[in-house]
Amino acid sequence: MPERNRARKFYIMTCNFAGKPPDFEVENLAVLRGSAGALAPPKGKRGFPAYPEVPRIVIGKLGKKAAPPTDIEIFHSYWLISDRLKILFEDLDPEAFAFQACEVRLANGSPGPSYWLCDVVRVLEAFGPSTLDDIRKHPYRAFLLVRESLVFNETAVGEAYVFSTPYSVEIFCDQRLKDACKQAGMKGATFKACFNK
């Protein structure tokens, strides 16, 4: 199939940064990150290192200055996701994700809703030749420059719903995952089109 006749639509999936900041903190962050500056996958890998403790999340300390976390939030190099979004991800494309269980409580000490740290562990050489040429010419700006005209290699993507690439931190998904999130009423996710509308 010619690149520009592709039927599938792809998006950059990220979080909605508009509005109040999410009202949560990881109270044992210093223990989890050790000497590292942030929580991040092991060098050269995706997923989670072996943490010395389970991440402990407290929700509701900031009150009216912030908003309760949605179904998906950014936290360092990972997503913090709700239990229902984890279930959706596992139903659609279980091999794409790694999850880290968290202990969650509210600021008053009562148990909180279930949340998980999440990483997209599938890495694909997903782009067609024209997009790869753009990346080679502008390795640090390619996605900002051509985000709405990225060309994907559908053979390489196969039946994957979601994936990352070796070239950037962006997470890509197809129309099926976007539609599933919308139909399930997931809050906090945004989808930036990677095609000319």
N, C-alpha and C. Protein backbone atom coordinates (compact mmCIF):
# COMPACT_ATOMS: atom_id res chain seq x y z
N MET A 1 0.85 -1.20 0.00
CA MET A 1 0.00 0.00 0.00
C MET A 1 0.89 1.25 0.00
N PRO A 2 0.68 2.21 -0.87
CA PRO A 2 1.49 3.42 -0.87
C PRO A 2 1.34 4.16 0.45
N GLU A 3 2.42 4.80 0.89
CA GLU A 3 2.43 5.47 2.18
C GLU A 3 1.26 6.45 2.33
N ARG A 4 1.03 7.25 1.32
CA ARG A 4 0.07 8.33 1.49
C ARG A 4 -1.37 7.88 1.26
N ASN A 5 -1.57 6.61 0.97
CA ASN A 5 -2.92 6.08 0.84
C ASN A 5 -3.33 5.26 2.06
N ARG A 6 -2.58 5.42 3.16
CA ARG A 6 -2.87 4.64 4.34
C ARG A 6 -4.26 4.95 4.86
N ALA A 7 -4.94 3.96 5.37
CA ALA A 7 -6.29 4.15 5.89
C ALA A 7 -6.28 4.51 7.37
N ARG A 8 -5.29 4.03 8.09
CA ARG A 8 -5.29 4.24 9.53
C ARG A 8 -4.89 5.66 9.89
N LYS A 9 -5.43 6.13 11.00
CA LYS A 9 -5.09 7.46 11.52
C LYS A 9 -4.34 7.26 12.83
N PHE A 10 -3.26 8.03 12.98
CA PHE A 10 -2.43 7.92 14.18
C PHE A 10 -2.40 9.26 14.92
N TYR A 11 -2.18 9.16 16.22
CA TYR A 11 -2.20 10.33 17.10
C TYR A 11 -1.05 10.24 18.09
N ILE A 12 -0.60 11.41 18.56
CA ILE A 12 0.24 11.48 19.74
C ILE A 12 -0.68 11.53 20.94
N MET A 13 -0.55 10.57 21.83
CA MET A 13 -1.39 10.50 23.03
C MET A 13 -0.63 11.11 24.19
N THR A 14 -1.26 12.05 24.87
CA THR A 14 -0.64 12.69 26.02
C THR A 14 -1.72 13.10 27.01
N CYS A 15 -1.35 13.94 27.95
CA CYS A 15 -2.28 14.36 29.01
C CYS A 15 -2.73 15.79 28.78
N ASN A 16 -3.87 16.12 29.33
CA ASN A 16 -4.40 17.47 29.24
C ASN A 16 -3.76 18.31 30.34
N PHE A 17 -2.99 19.32 29.93
CA PHE A 17 -2.29 20.16 30.90
C PHE A 17 -3.05 21.44 31.23
N ALA A 18 -4.24 21.61 30.67
CA ALA A 18 -5.04 22.80 30.94
C ALA A 18 -5.70 22.68 32.31
N GLY A 19 -6.01 23.82 32.89
CA GLY A 19 -6.74 23.81 34.16
C GLY A 19 -5.82 23.67 35.37
N LYS A 20 -6.41 23.33 36.50
CA LYS A 20 -5.66 23.22 37.76
C LYS A 20 -4.70 22.03 37.72
N PRO A 21 -3.60 22.12 38.47
CA PRO A 21 -2.69 20.98 38.53
C PRO A 21 -3.33 19.81 39.25
N PRO A 22 -2.92 18.59 38.94
CA PRO A 22 -3.48 17.42 39.63
C PRO A 22 -3.03 17.37 41.08
N ASP A 23 -3.95 17.03 41.97
CA ASP A 23 -3.70 17.07 43.41
C ASP A 23 -3.25 15.71 43.92
N PHE A 24 -2.00 15.37 43.63
CA PHE A 24 -1.43 14.15 44.20
C PHE A 24 0.07 14.34 44.38
N GLU A 25 0.63 13.57 45.28
CA GLU A 25 2.08 13.54 45.43
C GLU A 25 2.50 12.11 45.77
N VAL A 26 3.72 11.78 45.40
CA VAL A 26 4.31 10.50 45.78
C VAL A 26 5.19 10.77 46.98
N GLU A 27 4.73 10.36 48.15
CA GLU A 27 5.39 10.79 49.37
C GLU A 27 6.74 10.11 49.59
N ASN A 28 6.99 8.97 48.98
CA ASN A 28 8.30 8.32 49.13
C ASN A 28 9.14 8.45 47.86
N LEU A 29 8.96 9.57 47.16
CA LEU A 29 9.66 9.78 45.89
C LEU A 29 11.18 9.72 46.07
N ALA A 30 11.70 10.31 47.14
CA ALA A 30 13.16 10.34 47.35
C ALA A 30 13.72 8.91 47.44
N VAL A 31 12.98 8.04 48.10
CA VAL A 31 13.43 6.65 48.22
C VAL A 31 13.38 5.95 46.87
N LEU A 32 12.33 6.20 46.11
CA LEU A 32 12.15 5.53 44.82
C LEU A 32 13.20 5.93 43.80
N ARG A 33 13.53 7.21 43.76
CA ARG A 33 14.46 7.65 42.72
C ARG A 33 15.92 7.52 43.14
N GLY A 34 16.19 7.35 44.43
CA GLY A 34 17.56 7.19 44.89
C GLY A 34 18.43 8.36 44.45
N SER A 35 19.53 8.05 43.77
CA SER A 35 20.44 9.10 43.32
C SER A 35 20.02 9.69 41.97
N ALA A 36 19.00 9.10 41.35
CA ALA A 36 18.53 9.62 40.06
C ALA A 36 17.75 10.91 40.27
N GLY A 37 17.71 11.73 39.22
CA GLY A 37 16.99 12.99 39.34
C GLY A 37 15.49 12.84 39.20
N ALA A 38 15.03 11.74 38.60
CA ALA A 38 13.61 11.56 38.34
C ALA A 38 13.32 10.07 38.22
N LEU A 39 12.04 9.73 38.30
CA LEU A 39 11.64 8.35 38.04
C LEU A 39 11.68 8.13 36.54
N ALA A 40 12.38 7.11 36.12
CA ALA A 40 12.56 6.85 34.70
C ALA A 40 12.89 5.38 34.50
N PRO A 41 12.69 4.86 33.29
CA PRO A 41 13.05 3.46 33.01
C PRO A 41 14.55 3.23 33.19
N PRO A 42 14.95 1.98 33.40
CA PRO A 42 16.38 1.67 33.43
C PRO A 42 17.04 2.10 32.12
N LYS A 43 18.29 2.45 32.17
CA LYS A 43 19.00 2.95 30.99
C LYS A 43 18.92 1.94 29.85
N GLY A 44 18.50 2.42 28.69
CA GLY A 44 18.42 1.59 27.51
C GLY A 44 17.23 0.65 27.47
N LYS A 45 16.29 0.80 28.41
CA LYS A 45 15.14 -0.08 28.47
C LYS A 45 13.87 0.74 28.63
N ARG A 46 12.74 0.06 28.63
CA ARG A 46 11.45 0.63 29.00
C ARG A 46 10.94 -0.14 30.21
N GLY A 47 9.95 0.40 30.90
CA GLY A 47 9.39 -0.28 32.05
C GLY A 47 9.90 0.31 33.36
N PHE A 48 9.93 -0.51 34.39
CA PHE A 48 10.24 -0.04 35.73
C PHE A 48 11.42 -0.79 36.33
N PRO A 49 12.27 -0.07 37.06
CA PRO A 49 13.30 -0.76 37.83
C PRO A 49 12.66 -1.44 39.04
N ALA A 50 13.45 -2.21 39.77
CA ALA A 50 12.96 -2.83 41.01
C ALA A 50 13.03 -1.79 42.12
N TYR A 51 11.89 -1.21 42.46
CA TYR A 51 11.87 -0.18 43.50
C TYR A 51 12.02 -0.82 44.87
N PRO A 52 12.69 -0.12 45.81
CA PRO A 52 12.81 -0.65 47.17
C PRO A 52 11.50 -0.62 47.94
N GLU A 53 10.57 0.22 47.49
CA GLU A 53 9.26 0.33 48.13
C GLU A 53 8.19 0.52 47.06
N VAL A 54 6.97 0.19 47.39
CA VAL A 54 5.85 0.49 46.52
C VAL A 54 5.61 2.00 46.53
N PRO A 55 5.41 2.65 45.39
CA PRO A 55 5.09 4.08 45.39
C PRO A 55 3.86 4.36 46.25
N ARG A 56 3.97 5.34 47.12
CA ARG A 56 2.87 5.71 48.01
C ARG A 56 2.34 7.07 47.59
N ILE A 57 1.10 7.08 47.12
CA ILE A 57 0.48 8.29 46.59
C ILE A 57 -0.53 8.84 47.57
N VAL A 58 -0.46 10.14 47.77
CA VAL A 58 -1.43 10.84 48.62
C VAL A 58 -2.21 11.81 47.74
N ILE A 59 -3.53 11.73 47.79
CA ILE A 59 -4.40 12.59 46.99
C ILE A 59 -5.14 13.56 47.90
N GLY A 60 -5.16 14.84 47.52
CA GLY A 60 -6.04 15.79 48.21
C GLY A 60 -5.36 16.74 49.17
N LYS A 61 -4.04 16.88 49.13
CA LYS A 61 -3.36 17.77 50.06
C LYS A 61 -3.52 19.25 49.71
N LEU A 62 -3.70 19.55 48.43
CA LEU A 62 -3.72 20.95 47.99
C LEU A 62 -5.10 21.59 48.03
N GLY A 63 -6.13 20.80 48.18
CA GLY A 63 -7.48 21.35 48.27
C GLY A 63 -7.91 22.07 47.01
N LYS A 64 -8.47 23.27 47.17
CA LYS A 64 -9.03 24.01 46.05
C LYS A 64 -7.99 24.52 45.07
N LYS A 65 -6.71 24.49 45.45
CA LYS A 65 -5.66 24.96 44.55
C LYS A 65 -5.43 23.98 43.39
N ALA A 66 -5.94 22.79 43.53
CA ALA A 66 -5.68 21.75 42.53
C ALA A 66 -6.94 20.93 42.31
N ALA A 67 -6.86 19.97 41.41
CA ALA A 67 -8.00 19.11 41.08
C ALA A 67 -7.61 17.65 41.29
N PRO A 68 -8.57 16.79 41.61
CA PRO A 68 -8.25 15.37 41.76
C PRO A 68 -7.64 14.84 40.47
N PRO A 69 -6.74 13.87 40.56
CA PRO A 69 -6.15 13.31 39.33
C PRO A 69 -7.22 12.70 38.44
N THR A 70 -7.03 12.85 37.15
CA THR A 70 -7.94 12.27 36.16
C THR A 70 -7.53 10.82 35.90
N ASP A 71 -8.01 10.27 34.80
CA ASP A 71 -7.65 8.90 34.45
C ASP A 71 -6.20 8.77 33.99
N ILE A 72 -5.60 9.88 33.60
CA ILE A 72 -4.21 9.84 33.14
C ILE A 72 -3.52 11.16 33.45
N GLU A 73 -2.37 11.07 34.12
CA GLU A 73 -1.55 12.23 34.45
C GLU A 73 -0.10 11.90 34.13
N ILE A 74 0.68 12.93 33.86
CA ILE A 74 2.12 12.76 33.68
C ILE A 74 2.79 12.77 35.04
N PHE A 75 3.71 11.82 35.27
CA PHE A 75 4.53 11.87 36.47
C PHE A 75 5.94 11.41 36.09
N HIS A 76 6.86 12.38 36.03
CA HIS A 76 8.23 12.14 35.59
C HIS A 76 8.20 11.49 34.20
N SER A 77 8.83 10.32 34.02
CA SER A 77 8.86 9.70 32.69
C SER A 77 7.69 8.77 32.45
N TYR A 78 6.74 8.72 33.36
CA TYR A 78 5.64 7.76 33.30
C TYR A 78 4.29 8.46 33.27
N TRP A 79 3.26 7.66 33.04
CA TRP A 79 1.89 8.09 33.26
C TRP A 79 1.43 7.54 34.61
N LEU A 80 0.61 8.29 35.29
CA LEU A 80 -0.16 7.79 36.43
C LEU A 80 -1.57 7.59 35.91
N ILE A 81 -2.07 6.36 35.97
CA ILE A 81 -3.36 6.06 35.36
C ILE A 81 -4.31 5.42 36.37
N SER A 82 -5.59 5.62 36.12
CA SER A 82 -6.63 5.03 36.97
C SER A 82 -6.74 3.53 36.71
N ASP A 83 -7.40 2.86 37.63
CA ASP A 83 -7.60 1.42 37.48
C ASP A 83 -8.42 1.12 36.22
N ARG A 84 -9.41 1.96 35.92
CA ARG A 84 -10.26 1.66 34.77
C ARG A 84 -9.51 1.87 33.45
N LEU A 85 -8.56 2.83 33.42
CA LEU A 85 -7.77 2.98 32.20
C LEU A 85 -6.79 1.81 32.06
N LYS A 86 -6.25 1.34 33.17
CA LYS A 86 -5.39 0.15 33.11
C LYS A 86 -6.16 -1.04 32.52
N ILE A 87 -7.38 -1.23 32.95
CA ILE A 87 -8.20 -2.33 32.43
C ILE A 87 -8.41 -2.17 30.93
N LEU A 88 -8.70 -0.94 30.49
CA LEU A 88 -8.90 -0.69 29.06
C LEU A 88 -7.63 -1.01 28.28
N PHE A 89 -6.47 -0.52 28.78
CA PHE A 89 -5.20 -0.80 28.10
C PHE A 89 -4.95 -2.30 28.00
N GLU A 90 -5.18 -3.01 29.10
CA GLU A 90 -4.93 -4.46 29.10
C GLU A 90 -5.88 -5.20 28.17
N ASP A 91 -7.10 -4.73 28.06
CA ASP A 91 -8.06 -5.37 27.16
C ASP A 91 -7.68 -5.15 25.69
N LEU A 92 -7.21 -3.95 25.37
CA LEU A 92 -6.93 -3.61 23.98
C LEU A 92 -5.58 -4.12 23.49
N ASP A 93 -4.54 -3.95 24.31
CA ASP A 93 -3.18 -4.18 23.81
C ASP A 93 -2.24 -4.49 24.98
N PRO A 94 -2.42 -5.63 25.64
CA PRO A 94 -1.69 -5.89 26.89
C PRO A 94 -0.18 -5.92 26.75
N GLU A 95 0.34 -6.29 25.58
CA GLU A 95 1.79 -6.39 25.44
C GLU A 95 2.48 -5.03 25.30
N ALA A 96 1.69 -3.97 25.15
CA ALA A 96 2.28 -2.64 24.95
C ALA A 96 2.69 -1.96 26.25
N PHE A 97 2.23 -2.45 27.39
CA PHE A 97 2.35 -1.69 28.63
C PHE A 97 3.06 -2.46 29.73
N ALA A 98 3.68 -1.70 30.63
CA ALA A 98 4.13 -2.20 31.93
C ALA A 98 3.46 -1.35 33.00
N PHE A 99 3.12 -1.96 34.12
CA PHE A 99 2.43 -1.26 35.20
C PHE A 99 3.16 -1.46 36.52
N GLN A 100 3.14 -0.43 37.34
CA GLN A 100 3.68 -0.50 38.69
C GLN A 100 2.56 -0.17 39.66
N ALA A 101 2.23 -1.12 40.53
CA ALA A 101 1.18 -0.89 41.52
C ALA A 101 1.58 0.22 42.49
N CYS A 102 0.59 0.96 42.96
CA CYS A 102 0.81 2.03 43.92
C CYS A 102 -0.12 1.84 45.12
N GLU A 103 0.33 2.30 46.27
CA GLU A 103 -0.55 2.41 47.44
C GLU A 103 -1.11 3.83 47.43
N VAL A 104 -2.42 3.95 47.51
CA VAL A 104 -3.05 5.26 47.39
C VAL A 104 -3.91 5.52 48.62
N ARG A 105 -3.76 6.70 49.18
CA ARG A 105 -4.64 7.12 50.27
C ARG A 105 -4.99 8.60 50.08
N LEU A 106 -6.08 9.00 50.70
CA LEU A 106 -6.49 10.40 50.68
C LEU A 106 -5.77 11.15 51.79
N ALA A 107 -5.78 12.48 51.70
CA ALA A 107 -5.06 13.30 52.68
C ALA A 107 -5.57 13.08 54.10
N ASN A 108 -6.82 12.66 54.25
CA ASN A 108 -7.37 12.41 55.59
C ASN A 108 -7.01 11.04 56.14
N GLY A 109 -6.24 10.28 55.36
CA GLY A 109 -5.79 8.97 55.81
C GLY A 109 -6.62 7.80 55.34
N SER A 110 -7.77 8.05 54.74
CA SER A 110 -8.61 6.96 54.27
C SER A 110 -8.09 6.40 52.95
N PRO A 111 -8.44 5.16 52.61
CA PRO A 111 -7.96 4.58 51.34
C PRO A 111 -8.45 5.38 50.13
N GLY A 112 -7.61 5.48 49.13
CA GLY A 112 -7.96 6.21 47.92
C GLY A 112 -8.26 5.27 46.78
N PRO A 113 -8.63 5.82 45.63
CA PRO A 113 -8.90 4.98 44.44
C PRO A 113 -7.61 4.35 43.94
N SER A 114 -7.73 3.29 43.19
CA SER A 114 -6.56 2.59 42.67
C SER A 114 -5.93 3.37 41.52
N TYR A 115 -4.63 3.56 41.62
CA TYR A 115 -3.85 4.16 40.54
C TYR A 115 -2.59 3.34 40.31
N TRP A 116 -2.08 3.45 39.08
CA TRP A 116 -0.90 2.71 38.67
C TRP A 116 0.05 3.63 37.92
N LEU A 117 1.35 3.44 38.10
CA LEU A 117 2.30 4.01 37.17
C LEU A 117 2.31 3.13 35.92
N CYS A 118 2.42 3.76 34.77
CA CYS A 118 2.29 3.05 33.50
C CYS A 118 3.38 3.51 32.54
N ASP A 119 3.95 2.56 31.81
CA ASP A 119 4.92 2.88 30.78
C ASP A 119 4.57 2.11 29.51
N VAL A 120 4.73 2.75 28.37
CA VAL A 120 4.55 2.07 27.09
C VAL A 120 5.88 1.44 26.73
N VAL A 121 5.92 0.12 26.70
CA VAL A 121 7.18 -0.60 26.51
C VAL A 121 7.40 -1.07 25.07
N ARG A 122 6.39 -0.96 24.24
CA ARG A 122 6.56 -1.35 22.83
C ARG A 122 7.25 -0.21 22.08
N VAL A 123 8.39 -0.51 21.48
CA VAL A 123 9.15 0.46 20.69
C VAL A 123 9.23 -0.06 19.27
N LEU A 124 8.74 0.73 18.32
CA LEU A 124 8.69 0.31 16.92
C LEU A 124 9.44 1.29 16.02
N GLU A 125 10.06 0.75 14.99
CA GLU A 125 10.56 1.57 13.88
C GLU A 125 9.34 1.83 12.98
N ALA A 126 8.54 2.79 13.38
CA ALA A 126 7.18 2.89 12.86
C ALA A 126 7.00 3.83 11.67
N PHE A 127 8.05 4.55 11.29
CA PHE A 127 7.86 5.59 10.29
C PHE A 127 8.27 5.16 8.89
N GLY A 128 7.59 5.77 7.92
CA GLY A 128 7.94 5.57 6.53
C GLY A 128 9.14 6.41 6.14
N PRO A 129 9.67 6.19 4.92
CA PRO A 129 10.91 6.86 4.49
C PRO A 129 10.86 8.38 4.54
N SER A 130 9.74 8.99 4.16
CA SER A 130 9.73 10.46 4.12
C SER A 130 9.82 11.06 5.51
N THR A 131 9.16 10.45 6.50
CA THR A 131 9.27 10.94 7.87
C THR A 131 10.66 10.68 8.44
N LEU A 132 11.24 9.52 8.13
CA LEU A 132 12.60 9.24 8.58
C LEU A 132 13.59 10.26 8.01
N ASP A 133 13.38 10.68 6.77
CA ASP A 133 14.24 11.71 6.18
C ASP A 133 14.13 13.01 6.97
N ASP A 134 12.89 13.39 7.36
CA ASP A 134 12.70 14.61 8.15
C ASP A 134 13.40 14.50 9.51
N ILE A 135 13.31 13.33 10.13
CA ILE A 135 13.94 13.14 11.43
C ILE A 135 15.46 13.27 11.32
N ARG A 136 16.02 12.70 10.26
CA ARG A 136 17.47 12.79 10.09
C ARG A 136 17.92 14.23 9.84
N LYS A 137 17.08 15.01 9.17
CA LYS A 137 17.44 16.41 8.90
C LYS A 137 17.27 17.28 10.14
N HIS A 138 16.27 16.98 10.95
CA HIS A 138 15.94 17.81 12.12
C HIS A 138 15.71 16.91 13.34
N PRO A 139 16.75 16.26 13.85
CA PRO A 139 16.54 15.22 14.88
C PRO A 139 15.89 15.71 16.16
N TYR A 140 16.03 17.00 16.49
CA TYR A 140 15.45 17.49 17.73
C TYR A 140 14.15 18.25 17.53
N ARG A 141 13.79 18.50 16.27
CA ARG A 141 12.59 19.30 16.02
C ARG A 141 11.60 18.61 15.10
N ALA A 142 11.89 17.42 14.67
CA ALA A 142 11.10 16.80 13.61
C ALA A 142 9.64 16.70 13.96
N PHE A 143 9.30 16.31 15.18
CA PHE A 143 7.90 16.09 15.50
C PHE A 143 7.15 17.42 15.63
N LEU A 144 7.83 18.46 16.10
CA LEU A 144 7.18 19.76 16.16
C LEU A 144 6.94 20.29 14.75
N LEU A 145 7.85 19.99 13.85
CA LEU A 145 7.75 20.54 12.50
C LEU A 145 6.71 19.81 11.65
N VAL A 146 6.59 18.51 11.79
CA VAL A 146 5.79 17.73 10.84
C VAL A 146 4.75 16.88 11.53
N ARG A 147 4.36 17.22 12.74
CA ARG A 147 3.47 16.35 13.50
C ARG A 147 2.19 16.02 12.75
N GLU A 148 1.67 16.96 11.97
CA GLU A 148 0.42 16.72 11.28
C GLU A 148 0.63 16.09 9.90
N SER A 149 1.85 15.69 9.57
CA SER A 149 2.06 15.02 8.30
C SER A 149 3.05 13.86 8.45
N LEU A 150 3.05 13.22 9.60
CA LEU A 150 3.91 12.06 9.79
C LEU A 150 3.41 10.90 8.92
N VAL A 151 4.35 10.18 8.35
CA VAL A 151 4.01 9.02 7.53
C VAL A 151 4.46 7.77 8.27
N PHE A 152 3.54 6.84 8.46
CA PHE A 152 3.81 5.63 9.21
C PHE A 152 3.95 4.44 8.27
N ASN A 153 4.78 3.50 8.66
CA ASN A 153 4.94 2.24 7.96
C ASN A 153 3.97 1.26 8.59
N GLU A 154 2.83 1.04 7.95
CA GLU A 154 1.78 0.21 8.56
C GLU A 154 2.21 -1.25 8.72
N THR A 155 3.11 -1.70 7.88
CA THR A 155 3.61 -3.07 8.04
C THR A 155 4.36 -3.20 9.36
N ALA A 156 5.17 -2.18 9.67
CA ALA A 156 5.93 -2.21 10.93
C ALA A 156 5.01 -2.05 12.14
N VAL A 157 3.98 -1.23 12.01
CA VAL A 157 3.05 -1.02 13.12
C VAL A 157 2.18 -2.26 13.33
N GLY A 158 1.81 -2.91 12.25
CA GLY A 158 0.98 -4.11 12.37
C GLY A 158 -0.34 -3.81 13.05
N GLU A 159 -0.73 -4.67 13.98
CA GLU A 159 -1.99 -4.52 14.70
C GLU A 159 -1.85 -3.77 16.02
N ALA A 160 -0.69 -3.15 16.25
CA ALA A 160 -0.46 -2.43 17.51
C ALA A 160 -1.43 -1.26 17.64
N TYR A 161 -1.98 -1.11 18.82
CA TYR A 161 -2.83 0.04 19.14
C TYR A 161 -1.99 1.22 19.61
N VAL A 162 -0.88 0.95 20.27
CA VAL A 162 -0.10 2.01 20.91
C VAL A 162 1.37 1.60 20.90
N PHE A 163 2.27 2.61 20.77
CA PHE A 163 3.70 2.32 20.69
C PHE A 163 4.50 3.61 20.87
N SER A 164 5.75 3.43 21.20
CA SER A 164 6.71 4.52 21.16
C SER A 164 7.69 4.24 20.01
N THR A 165 8.61 5.17 19.78
CA THR A 165 9.61 4.99 18.74
C THR A 165 10.98 5.31 19.32
N PRO A 166 12.06 4.93 18.63
CA PRO A 166 13.40 5.25 19.14
C PRO A 166 13.76 6.73 19.02
N TYR A 167 12.90 7.54 18.39
CA TYR A 167 13.29 8.88 17.99
C TYR A 167 12.78 10.00 18.89
N SER A 168 11.88 9.70 19.81
CA SER A 168 11.31 10.76 20.63
C SER A 168 10.63 10.16 21.84
N VAL A 169 10.17 11.03 22.75
CA VAL A 169 9.46 10.56 23.94
C VAL A 169 7.96 10.43 23.69
N GLU A 170 7.48 10.85 22.53
CA GLU A 170 6.05 10.81 22.25
C GLU A 170 5.52 9.38 22.24
N ILE A 171 4.27 9.24 22.68
CA ILE A 171 3.56 7.97 22.60
C ILE A 171 2.52 8.10 21.50
N PHE A 172 2.51 7.13 20.58
CA PHE A 172 1.60 7.15 19.45
C PHE A 172 0.52 6.08 19.62
N CYS A 173 -0.67 6.39 19.14
CA CYS A 173 -1.74 5.40 19.16
C CYS A 173 -2.54 5.53 17.87
N ASP A 174 -3.41 4.56 17.61
CA ASP A 174 -4.24 4.64 16.42
C ASP A 174 -5.67 5.04 16.80
N GLN A 175 -6.51 5.13 15.79
CA GLN A 175 -7.89 5.58 15.99
C GLN A 175 -8.65 4.68 16.94
N ARG A 176 -8.33 3.39 16.93
CA ARG A 176 -9.08 2.45 17.77
C ARG A 176 -8.90 2.74 19.25
N LEU A 177 -7.69 3.07 19.66
CA LEU A 177 -7.47 3.37 21.08
C LEU A 177 -8.13 4.70 21.44
N LYS A 178 -7.99 5.69 20.57
CA LYS A 178 -8.64 6.98 20.81
C LYS A 178 -10.14 6.80 20.98
N ASP A 179 -10.76 6.04 20.08
CA ASP A 179 -12.20 5.83 20.16
C ASP A 179 -12.59 5.08 21.43
N ALA A 180 -11.78 4.10 21.82
CA ALA A 180 -12.08 3.33 23.03
C ALA A 180 -12.04 4.21 24.27
N CYS A 181 -11.08 5.12 24.34
CA CYS A 181 -11.00 6.04 25.47
C CYS A 181 -12.21 6.97 25.51
N LYS A 182 -12.61 7.45 24.34
CA LYS A 182 -13.78 8.33 24.28
C LYS A 182 -15.05 7.59 24.68
N GLN A 183 -15.24 6.40 24.17
CA GLN A 183 -16.44 5.63 24.48
C GLN A 183 -16.52 5.27 25.96
N ALA A 184 -15.38 5.07 26.58
CA ALA A 184 -15.35 4.71 28.01
C ALA A 184 -15.41 5.94 28.91
N GLY A 185 -15.38 7.14 28.32
CA GLY A 185 -15.46 8.36 29.11
C GLY A 185 -14.21 8.68 29.89
N MET A 186 -13.04 8.27 29.39
CA MET A 186 -11.79 8.53 30.08
C MET A 186 -11.51 10.03 30.11
N LYS A 187 -11.06 10.51 31.25
CA LYS A 187 -10.79 11.93 31.44
C LYS A 187 -9.28 12.18 31.48
N GLY A 188 -8.87 13.26 30.86
CA GLY A 188 -7.49 13.71 30.97
C GLY A 188 -6.61 13.39 29.78
N ALA A 189 -7.02 12.49 28.90
CA ALA A 189 -6.21 12.14 27.74
C ALA A 189 -6.48 13.10 26.60
N THR A 190 -5.43 13.47 25.87
CA THR A 190 -5.57 14.26 24.66
C THR A 190 -4.89 13.52 23.52
N PHE A 191 -5.39 13.76 22.31
CA PHE A 191 -4.91 13.06 21.13
C PHE A 191 -4.63 14.08 20.03
N LYS A 192 -3.36 14.23 19.68
CA LYS A 192 -2.96 15.20 18.67
C LYS A 192 -2.78 14.48 17.35
N ALA A 193 -3.53 14.90 16.35
CA ALA A 193 -3.51 14.22 15.06
C ALA A 193 -2.15 14.28 14.40
N CYS A 194 -1.72 13.16 13.83
CA CYS A 194 -0.46 13.08 13.09
C CYS A 194 -0.71 12.97 11.60
N PHE A 195 -1.80 13.52 11.14
CA PHE A 195 -2.15 13.45 9.72
C PHE A 195 -2.83 14.75 9.33
N ASN A 196 -2.81 15.07 8.06
CA ASN A 196 -3.49 16.25 7.56
C ASN A 196 -4.98 16.02 7.59
N LYS A 197 -5.71 16.86 8.30
CA LYS A 197 -7.16 16.67 8.43
C LYS A 197 -7.89 17.12 7.18
